[in-house]
């Protein structure tokens, strides 16, 4: 299913309410009768995730005071927006960017929808990191934005540090922080943390929980960061 099909298919006949529901409703009205057959069957979870994420992306892009072409291009790449849907998804992005509702409302609604699926909420933050770092610079206002979204998602400080570290790259990141363990953790604790993260962030599980297929590339990158961190620790400690 295309990302636009996910949005319109999930919006059809859905009285969601809140800022995400308002965006979905506006899209359904604006493009009434224009959704493709691929729109049929989209789940509520997929529609809420897609619409909420686009809204947060739009607000994220404005966090440093300017929306750059790099940020828009990363958004399109992250979503795998096909050429046939660029205008419609762009319209949705612009609607969210202009909407008077603040990002807090979108983040709160996403939390309410996925509060029992923290890995799904973490995927949102991972995607926002991609947008924030699209121009090669993490503006302080962008980091504040990410930190506040994580707070709304109820991630404690150590969990936010773990998520942030996974975006620093294998050469700069602390592998222990990426796995969420202390430097004096036992080999057994490290293996346990690694297996837990691999299980929670597996792309197939995330899709089953509502993450649209178009966004799974970022989940694969997350898996790579987790594997790299574990491999690095194994080499340091000579863990077999």
Protein backbone atom coordinates (compact mmCIF):
# COMPACT_ATOMS: atom_id res chain seq x y z
CA UNK A 1 0.00 0.00 0.00
CA UNK A 2 1.28 3.50 -0.84
CA UNK A 3 1.74 6.05 1.91
CA UNK A 4 -1.08 8.15 0.50
CA UNK A 5 -3.26 5.07 0.39
CA UNK A 6 -2.43 4.48 4.04
CA UNK A 7 -3.55 8.00 4.96
CA UNK A 8 -6.76 8.10 2.94
CA UNK A 9 -7.65 4.44 3.47
CA UNK A 10 -7.26 4.78 7.21
CA UNK A 11 -9.18 8.06 7.26
CA UNK A 12 -12.23 6.69 5.48
CA UNK A 13 -15.12 6.47 7.91
CA UNK A 14 -12.87 7.06 10.92
CA UNK A 15 -13.95 9.46 13.66
CA UNK A 16 -10.57 9.73 15.36
CA UNK A 17 -10.77 13.25 16.74
CA UNK A 18 -7.86 15.35 17.95
CA UNK A 19 -5.34 17.18 15.73
CA UNK A 20 -4.42 14.00 13.82
CA UNK A 21 -8.08 13.27 13.15
CA UNK A 22 -8.53 16.83 11.90
CA UNK A 23 -5.69 16.42 9.41
CA UNK A 24 -6.98 13.06 8.22
CA UNK A 25 -10.47 14.48 7.88
CA UNK A 26 -9.21 17.45 5.87
CA UNK A 27 -7.33 15.11 3.54
CA UNK A 28 -10.36 12.86 3.11
CA UNK A 29 -12.55 15.86 2.22
CA UNK A 30 -9.98 17.56 -0.02
CA UNK A 31 -9.28 14.39 -1.98
CA UNK A 32 -12.75 12.86 -1.80
CA UNK A 33 -13.12 10.29 -4.56
CA UNK A 34 -9.50 10.64 -5.61
CA UNK A 35 -7.91 7.94 -3.45
CA UNK A 36 -6.44 4.99 -5.29
CA UNK A 37 -7.60 1.41 -4.83
CA UNK A 38 -4.51 0.87 -2.72
CA UNK A 39 -6.18 3.01 -0.05
CA UNK A 40 -8.66 0.28 0.80
CA UNK A 41 -7.89 -1.63 3.96
CA UNK A 42 -5.44 0.68 5.70
CA UNK A 43 -5.53 0.19 9.46
CA UNK A 44 -6.27 2.90 11.96
CA UNK A 45 -2.81 2.41 13.46
CA UNK A 46 -1.09 2.91 10.10
CA UNK A 47 -3.11 6.03 9.34
CA UNK A 48 -2.49 7.55 12.77
CA UNK A 49 1.23 6.77 12.60
CA UNK A 50 1.62 8.17 9.08
CA UNK A 51 -0.42 11.33 9.69
CA UNK A 52 1.10 11.97 13.13
CA UNK A 53 4.61 11.48 11.84
CA UNK A 54 4.08 13.80 8.86
CA UNK A 55 2.70 16.44 11.22
CA UNK A 56 5.69 16.14 13.55
CA UNK A 57 8.06 16.22 10.56
CA UNK A 58 6.47 19.45 9.39
CA UNK A 59 6.82 20.99 12.84
CA UNK A 60 10.35 19.56 13.20
CA UNK A 61 11.44 21.16 9.94
CA UNK A 62 10.38 24.56 11.31
CA UNK A 63 12.03 24.06 14.71
CA UNK A 64 15.17 25.97 13.71
CA UNK A 65 13.13 28.71 12.06
CA UNK A 66 13.52 27.62 8.43
CA UNK A 67 12.41 24.66 6.32
CA UNK A 68 15.34 23.64 4.10
CA UNK A 69 15.27 21.72 0.84
CA UNK A 70 17.52 19.07 2.45
CA UNK A 71 14.93 18.48 5.17
CA UNK A 72 12.13 18.13 2.64
CA UNK A 73 14.21 15.75 0.52
CA UNK A 74 15.02 13.57 3.56
CA UNK A 75 11.33 13.51 4.40
CA UNK A 76 10.47 12.32 0.89
CA UNK A 77 13.25 9.72 0.98
CA UNK A 78 12.23 8.44 4.41
CA UNK A 79 8.66 8.03 3.22
CA UNK A 80 9.57 6.62 -0.22
CA UNK A 81 7.07 9.03 -1.74
CA UNK A 82 6.49 7.95 -5.37
CA UNK A 83 6.39 10.67 -8.00
CA UNK A 84 2.66 10.11 -8.50
CA UNK A 85 1.99 11.05 -4.87
CA UNK A 86 4.50 13.86 -4.27
CA UNK A 87 1.92 16.64 -4.68
CA UNK A 88 -0.66 15.01 -2.41
CA UNK A 89 1.79 14.15 0.35
CA UNK A 90 3.32 17.62 -0.05
CA UNK A 91 -0.15 19.11 0.42
CA UNK A 92 -0.57 17.11 3.64
CA UNK A 93 2.89 18.22 4.84
CA UNK A 94 2.05 21.87 4.15
CA UNK A 95 -1.31 21.54 5.90
CA UNK A 96 0.42 20.22 9.02
CA UNK A 97 3.09 22.93 8.82
CA UNK A 98 0.47 25.70 8.64
CA UNK A 99 -1.88 24.16 11.21
CA UNK A 100 -2.14 26.33 14.30
CA UNK A 101 -2.06 23.28 16.59
CA UNK A 102 1.32 22.85 18.23
CA UNK A 103 3.45 19.72 17.93
CA UNK A 104 2.58 18.79 21.51
CA UNK A 105 -0.96 17.83 20.51
CA UNK A 106 0.22 15.51 17.74
CA UNK A 107 2.84 13.92 20.00
CA UNK A 108 0.31 13.41 22.79
CA UNK A 109 -2.17 11.75 20.43
CA UNK A 110 0.52 9.43 19.10
CA UNK A 111 1.45 8.51 22.66
CA UNK A 112 -2.15 7.69 23.50
CA UNK A 113 -2.44 5.50 20.40
CA UNK A 114 0.86 3.64 20.88
CA UNK A 115 1.62 3.90 24.61
CA UNK A 116 1.75 0.09 24.86
CA UNK A 117 4.19 -0.11 21.92
CA UNK A 118 7.26 1.94 22.93
CA UNK A 119 9.32 0.64 19.99
CA UNK A 120 6.78 2.24 17.63
CA UNK A 121 7.09 5.57 19.44
CA UNK A 122 10.87 5.22 19.33
CA UNK A 123 10.59 4.77 15.58
CA UNK A 124 8.92 8.19 15.40
CA UNK A 125 11.83 9.78 17.26
CA UNK A 126 14.35 7.95 15.04
CA UNK A 127 12.64 9.35 11.96
CA UNK A 128 12.63 12.85 13.41
CA UNK A 129 16.38 12.58 14.05
CA UNK A 130 16.80 11.93 10.32
CA UNK A 131 14.90 15.12 9.51
CA UNK A 132 16.80 17.14 12.11
CA UNK A 133 20.20 16.04 10.81
CA UNK A 134 19.31 16.31 7.13
CA UNK A 135 21.39 19.47 6.66
CA UNK A 136 24.32 17.99 8.58
CA UNK A 137 23.75 20.21 11.62
CA UNK A 138 21.73 19.53 14.76
CA UNK A 139 20.37 22.94 15.70
CA UNK A 140 19.86 23.41 19.47
CA UNK A 141 16.17 24.17 18.83
CA UNK A 142 15.83 20.87 17.00
CA UNK A 143 17.40 18.94 19.85
CA UNK A 144 15.05 20.68 22.27
CA UNK A 145 12.15 19.66 20.05
CA UNK A 146 13.27 16.02 19.97
CA UNK A 147 13.80 16.01 23.72
CA UNK A 148 10.29 17.37 24.32
CA UNK A 149 8.69 14.80 21.99
CA UNK A 150 10.55 12.06 23.89
CA UNK A 151 9.27 13.52 27.18
CA UNK A 152 5.69 13.47 25.89
CA UNK A 153 6.26 9.85 24.84
CA UNK A 154 7.33 9.16 28.46
CA UNK A 155 10.89 8.15 27.61
CA UNK A 156 13.19 8.73 30.62
CA UNK A 157 16.45 10.62 30.16
CA UNK A 158 18.59 7.49 29.87
CA UNK A 159 16.34 6.13 27.13
CA UNK A 160 16.51 9.39 25.18
CA UNK A 161 20.30 9.30 25.52
CA UNK A 162 20.28 5.76 24.10
CA UNK A 163 18.13 6.79 21.13
CA UNK A 164 20.25 9.87 20.43
CA UNK A 165 23.49 7.91 20.61
CA UNK A 166 22.31 5.48 17.92
CA UNK A 167 22.31 8.42 15.47
CA UNK A 168 25.89 9.52 16.17
CA UNK A 169 27.42 6.95 13.81
CA UNK A 170 29.61 3.92 14.63
CA UNK A 171 32.80 5.99 14.88
CA UNK A 172 31.46 8.55 17.36
CA UNK A 173 28.79 6.70 19.33
CA UNK A 174 29.33 4.96 22.65
CA UNK A 175 28.29 1.33 22.01
CA UNK A 176 27.30 0.83 25.63
CA UNK A 177 24.90 3.77 25.50
CA UNK A 178 23.43 2.51 22.22
CA UNK A 179 22.57 -0.79 23.93
CA UNK A 180 21.35 1.00 27.04
CA UNK A 181 23.84 -0.64 29.43
CA UNK A 182 26.54 0.69 31.74
CA UNK A 183 30.23 0.23 31.01
CA UNK A 184 30.54 -2.13 33.97
CA UNK A 185 27.63 -4.35 32.86
CA UNK A 186 28.38 -8.06 32.76
CA UNK A 187 28.72 -9.92 29.47
CA UNK A 188 25.43 -11.64 30.25
CA UNK A 189 23.66 -8.30 30.76
CA UNK A 190 25.08 -6.98 27.50
CA UNK A 191 23.90 -10.02 25.55
CA UNK A 192 20.46 -9.73 27.14
CA UNK A 193 20.17 -6.02 26.28
CA UNK A 194 21.28 -6.71 22.70
CA UNK A 195 18.74 -9.50 22.18
CA UNK A 196 15.97 -7.37 23.69
CA UNK A 197 16.64 -4.45 21.37
CA UNK A 198 16.94 -6.66 18.29
CA UNK A 199 13.60 -8.26 19.11
CA UNK A 200 11.79 -4.98 19.85
CA UNK A 201 13.05 -3.16 16.77
CA UNK A 202 12.65 -5.93 14.21
CA UNK A 203 11.01 -4.40 11.11
CA UNK A 204 8.41 -7.17 10.83
CA UNK A 205 7.23 -6.55 14.39
CA UNK A 206 7.07 -2.80 13.86
CA UNK A 207 4.96 -3.21 10.72
CA UNK A 208 2.61 -5.53 12.59
CA UNK A 209 2.21 -2.81 15.23
CA UNK A 210 1.27 -0.07 12.77
CA UNK A 211 4.46 1.34 11.23
CA UNK A 212 3.86 1.79 7.46
CA UNK A 213 6.07 -0.30 5.22
CA UNK A 214 7.44 2.85 3.57
CA UNK A 215 9.27 3.76 6.78
CA UNK A 216 10.96 0.45 7.49
CA UNK A 217 14.31 1.52 6.02
CA UNK A 218 14.89 3.57 9.16
CA UNK A 219 14.12 0.51 11.29
CA UNK A 220 16.74 -1.40 9.30
CA UNK A 221 19.25 1.37 10.01
CA UNK A 222 18.39 1.08 13.69
CA UNK A 223 19.10 -2.65 13.57
CA UNK A 224 22.45 -1.90 11.95
CA UNK A 225 23.35 0.57 14.73
CA UNK A 226 22.41 -2.00 17.39
CA UNK A 227 24.43 -4.75 15.68
CA UNK A 228 27.43 -2.44 15.21
CA UNK A 229 27.36 -1.48 18.89
CA UNK A 230 27.21 -5.10 20.01
CA UNK A 231 30.00 -6.13 17.64
CA UNK A 232 32.17 -3.29 18.92
CA UNK A 233 31.67 -4.33 22.54
CA UNK A 234 32.34 -7.97 21.66
CA UNK A 235 35.67 -7.00 20.13
CA UNK A 236 36.60 -4.85 23.13
CA UNK A 237 35.70 -7.62 25.61
CA UNK A 238 36.55 -10.59 23.40
CA UNK A 239 33.00 -11.92 23.82
CA UNK A 240 32.38 -15.00 21.73
